[in-house]
Amino acid sequence: MLKLDHIVLAAESLVEGVNYVEERLEHRLDAGGKHEMFGTHNRLLSLGDCYFEVIAKNPEASSPQRAVWFDLNNFRGPPRMVTWVCETKNMAKDCVQAPYPTGAVTTVSRDDLIWDLTIPTDGSLPCDGVAPALIDWKGTASPSARLPDHGFRLTSLRLSHPNIDQIGGFLDHALHDNRIIHETSGHISIQATIKTPDGRVITL
């Protein structure tokens, strides 16, 4: 069975993405780190049983030798939600059962963290980001268990796509999480609704 691990917001620059989120949540994000393989960096926020990631290309990094993950090579425009990630305990099985091309299983590291993540060779997002990437933390604690808990909680993740039926049944079967809402729509969107410690509800 899959478990929601984290949700991802991308930006053209990390400063722009962080400012966008912090202004809305009225709270500072916690430190993340750098991903040398892809030339990116991030900031994070605990959502209790999962976490929120803001990611962007790092202008100080060396040029990566492969396509940048989360389709950041092609990202343009204001900060926005681009995809989400589910933890698996059986990567091989879930990759086979997923009704969409998950991409190759790639080993990634940051500081003392090491994990396997599904990443298409061209860096694209499966089903325009509506389908989750799969992650295996290889027995180590994920950031959701390491980050300080400030009381923010994900209340819903709404996925809209013209071909949502392609993955909807798989999600219902493999991921028993009533916060995940998928609907057929003429437009593609990912919206995360977060409840703040003071009771406000913010949609990103």
Protein backbone atom coordinates (compact mmCIF):
# COMPACT_ATOMS: atom_id res chain seq x y z
CA MET A 1 0.00 0.00 0.00
CA LEU A 2 1.19 3.50 -0.80
CA LYS A 3 1.40 6.40 1.65
CA LEU A 4 1.33 10.10 0.87
CA ASP A 5 4.90 11.32 1.46
CA HIS A 6 5.03 14.91 0.26
CA ILE A 7 3.58 17.52 -2.08
CA VAL A 8 5.67 19.68 -4.37
CA LEU A 9 5.44 23.36 -5.32
CA ALA A 10 7.87 24.62 -7.96
CA ALA A 11 9.10 28.12 -8.71
CA GLU A 12 11.48 29.82 -11.12
CA SER A 13 13.62 30.73 -8.10
CA LEU A 14 13.64 29.39 -4.57
CA VAL A 15 13.29 32.91 -3.14
CA GLU A 16 10.16 33.50 -5.20
CA GLY A 17 8.65 30.16 -4.19
CA VAL A 18 9.44 30.57 -0.51
CA ASN A 19 8.06 34.12 -0.42
CA TYR A 20 4.86 32.97 -2.14
CA VAL A 21 4.24 30.23 0.43
CA GLU A 22 5.39 32.13 3.52
CA GLU A 23 3.19 35.12 2.73
CA ARG A 24 0.14 32.89 2.51
CA LEU A 25 0.87 30.66 5.47
CA GLU A 26 2.34 33.52 7.53
CA HIS A 27 5.08 31.20 8.68
CA ARG A 28 8.71 30.60 7.77
CA LEU A 29 9.62 27.40 5.99
CA ASP A 30 12.29 25.14 7.43
CA ALA A 31 15.66 24.46 5.84
CA GLY A 32 15.99 21.91 3.08
CA GLY A 33 19.15 21.39 1.09
CA LYS A 34 20.79 21.00 -2.31
CA HIS A 35 20.49 18.17 -4.84
CA GLU A 36 23.77 18.10 -6.75
CA MET A 37 22.54 15.49 -9.25
CA PHE A 38 19.86 17.85 -10.55
CA GLY A 39 21.20 21.29 -9.64
CA THR A 40 18.21 22.13 -7.45
CA HIS A 41 17.56 23.24 -3.89
CA ASN A 42 14.52 23.31 -1.63
CA ARG A 43 12.82 24.39 1.57
CA LEU A 44 10.40 22.26 3.59
CA LEU A 45 7.48 22.33 6.01
CA SER A 46 6.02 19.51 8.09
CA LEU A 47 2.37 18.68 7.53
CA GLY A 48 2.31 16.08 10.29
CA ASP A 49 2.24 12.73 8.52
CA CYS A 50 3.64 14.19 5.29
CA TYR A 51 5.48 17.34 4.27
CA PHE A 52 5.47 20.27 1.86
CA GLU A 53 8.39 20.98 -0.48
CA VAL A 54 9.23 24.16 -2.36
CA ILE A 55 11.81 23.45 -5.06
CA ALA A 56 13.63 25.40 -7.76
CA LYS A 57 16.75 25.24 -9.88
CA ASN A 58 19.85 26.42 -8.02
CA PRO A 59 21.64 29.13 -10.05
CA GLU A 60 24.88 28.43 -8.18
CA ALA A 61 24.93 24.72 -9.02
CA SER A 62 26.96 23.10 -11.76
CA SER A 63 25.02 22.14 -14.88
CA PRO A 64 23.46 18.71 -14.28
CA GLN A 65 24.41 15.84 -16.55
CA ARG A 66 20.78 14.78 -16.97
CA ALA A 67 17.31 16.30 -17.31
CA VAL A 68 16.21 18.12 -14.16
CA TRP A 69 13.49 16.37 -12.16
CA PHE A 70 9.95 17.73 -11.69
CA ASP A 71 10.22 19.14 -15.24
CA LEU A 72 11.99 22.21 -13.84
CA ASN A 73 13.87 22.75 -17.11
CA ASN A 74 10.52 23.72 -18.63
CA PHE A 75 8.96 25.48 -15.64
CA ARG A 76 7.77 29.01 -16.33
CA GLY A 77 5.39 31.39 -14.59
CA PRO A 78 4.35 31.99 -10.99
CA PRO A 79 4.97 29.44 -8.22
CA ARG A 80 2.46 26.59 -8.29
CA MET A 81 1.83 23.03 -7.23
CA VAL A 82 3.34 20.66 -9.80
CA THR A 83 3.13 17.13 -8.40
CA TRP A 84 3.09 14.87 -5.35
CA VAL A 85 5.01 11.85 -4.11
CA CYS A 86 3.92 8.59 -2.46
CA GLU A 87 6.08 6.32 -0.33
CA THR A 88 6.23 2.67 -1.26
CA LYS A 89 7.65 -0.32 0.58
CA ASN A 90 7.73 -2.38 -2.62
CA MET A 91 9.04 -0.22 -5.44
CA ALA A 92 9.26 -2.97 -8.06
CA LYS A 93 5.69 -4.17 -7.50
CA ASP A 94 4.12 -0.71 -7.42
CA CYS A 95 5.97 0.44 -10.54
CA VAL A 96 4.57 -2.55 -12.42
CA GLN A 97 1.04 -2.06 -11.10
CA ALA A 98 0.91 1.70 -11.74
CA PRO A 99 -1.27 2.39 -14.82
CA TYR A 100 1.13 5.07 -16.06
CA PRO A 101 4.85 5.14 -16.91
CA THR A 102 6.44 6.04 -13.60
CA GLY A 103 9.93 6.54 -15.00
CA ALA A 104 13.17 4.89 -13.99
CA VAL A 105 13.99 4.23 -10.35
CA THR A 106 16.84 6.61 -9.52
CA THR A 107 18.91 6.76 -6.35
CA VAL A 108 19.19 10.30 -5.00
CA SER A 109 21.01 11.71 -1.97
CA ARG A 110 21.09 14.93 0.04
CA ASP A 111 23.26 15.34 3.13
CA ASP A 112 22.66 12.16 5.17
CA LEU A 113 19.47 11.22 3.29
CA ILE A 114 19.40 8.64 0.51
CA TRP A 115 16.33 7.44 -1.35
CA ASP A 116 15.01 5.86 -4.54
CA LEU A 117 12.61 7.93 -6.63
CA THR A 118 10.85 7.29 -9.93
CA ILE A 119 11.98 9.89 -12.48
CA PRO A 120 11.32 9.79 -16.23
CA THR A 121 14.56 10.06 -18.21
CA ASP A 122 13.46 13.36 -19.76
CA GLY A 123 12.52 14.81 -16.36
CA SER A 124 8.85 15.10 -17.28
CA LEU A 125 5.95 14.67 -14.86
CA PRO A 126 3.76 11.57 -15.39
CA CYS A 127 0.20 12.56 -16.32
CA ASP A 128 1.19 16.23 -16.13
CA GLY A 129 2.08 15.84 -12.44
CA VAL A 130 -1.33 14.52 -11.40
CA ALA A 131 0.08 10.98 -11.07
CA PRO A 132 2.41 10.62 -8.09
CA ALA A 133 6.09 9.82 -8.22
CA LEU A 134 7.04 6.85 -6.04
CA ILE A 135 9.69 7.06 -3.33
CA ASP A 136 11.46 4.52 -1.14
CA TRP A 137 13.42 5.92 1.79
CA LYS A 138 15.44 2.70 2.00
CA GLY A 139 14.89 2.28 5.73
CA THR A 140 15.85 5.81 6.75
CA ALA A 141 13.50 8.36 8.28
CA SER A 142 11.89 10.69 5.74
CA PRO A 143 11.87 14.47 6.31
CA SER A 144 8.31 14.23 7.67
CA ALA A 145 9.78 12.43 10.69
CA ARG A 146 12.69 14.86 11.04
CA LEU A 147 11.09 18.26 10.53
CA PRO A 148 9.76 20.27 13.48
CA ASP A 149 5.97 20.09 13.71
CA HIS A 150 4.50 23.60 13.70
CA GLY A 151 0.91 22.41 13.56
CA PHE A 152 0.19 22.73 9.83
CA ARG A 153 -1.93 19.97 8.30
CA LEU A 154 -2.92 18.98 4.78
CA THR A 155 -6.71 18.78 4.59
CA SER A 156 -7.03 17.94 0.88
CA LEU A 157 -5.09 17.45 -2.32
CA ARG A 158 -7.38 18.00 -5.30
CA LEU A 159 -6.27 16.56 -8.64
CA SER A 160 -7.99 17.63 -11.86
CA HIS A 161 -7.20 16.18 -15.30
CA PRO A 162 -9.12 15.31 -18.49
CA ASN A 163 -7.84 11.72 -18.24
CA ILE A 164 -7.99 11.27 -14.47
CA ASP A 165 -9.70 7.89 -14.92
CA GLN A 166 -6.33 6.58 -16.07
CA ILE A 167 -5.04 6.75 -12.50
CA GLY A 168 -8.14 7.21 -10.32
CA GLY A 169 -8.83 3.51 -9.79
CA PHE A 170 -5.20 2.82 -8.99
CA LEU A 171 -5.13 5.58 -6.37
CA ASP A 172 -8.34 4.37 -4.74
CA HIS A 173 -6.95 0.84 -4.52
CA ALA A 174 -3.33 1.55 -3.59
CA LEU A 175 -3.69 4.69 -1.48
CA HIS A 176 -6.40 4.76 1.17
CA ASP A 177 -6.28 8.49 1.91
CA ASN A 178 -9.52 10.47 1.85
CA ARG A 179 -7.59 13.73 1.53
CA ILE A 180 -6.81 12.82 -2.09
CA ILE A 181 -9.65 14.01 -4.34
CA HIS A 182 -9.50 13.29 -8.07
CA GLU A 183 -11.92 14.63 -10.63
CA THR A 184 -12.28 14.76 -14.40
CA SER A 185 -11.88 18.29 -15.66
CA GLY A 186 -11.12 20.10 -18.88
CA HIS A 187 -8.08 21.66 -17.26
CA ILE A 188 -5.11 20.26 -15.37
CA SER A 189 -4.55 21.43 -11.81
CA ILE A 190 -3.20 20.35 -8.44
CA GLN A 191 -4.48 22.21 -5.40
CA ALA A 192 -3.33 21.64 -1.84
CA THR A 193 -5.46 22.92 1.02
CA ILE A 194 -3.58 23.41 4.28
CA LYS A 195 -4.96 24.21 7.71
CA THR A 196 -2.79 26.52 9.77
CA PRO A 197 -2.29 26.28 13.55
CA ASP A 198 -4.62 29.24 14.08
CA GLY A 199 -7.42 27.59 12.09
CA ARG A 200 -7.08 29.40 8.77
CA VAL A 201 -7.48 27.31 5.60
CA ILE A 202 -5.12 28.18 2.75
CA THR A 203 -5.24 26.75 -0.78
CA LEU A 204 -2.04 26.68 -2.81
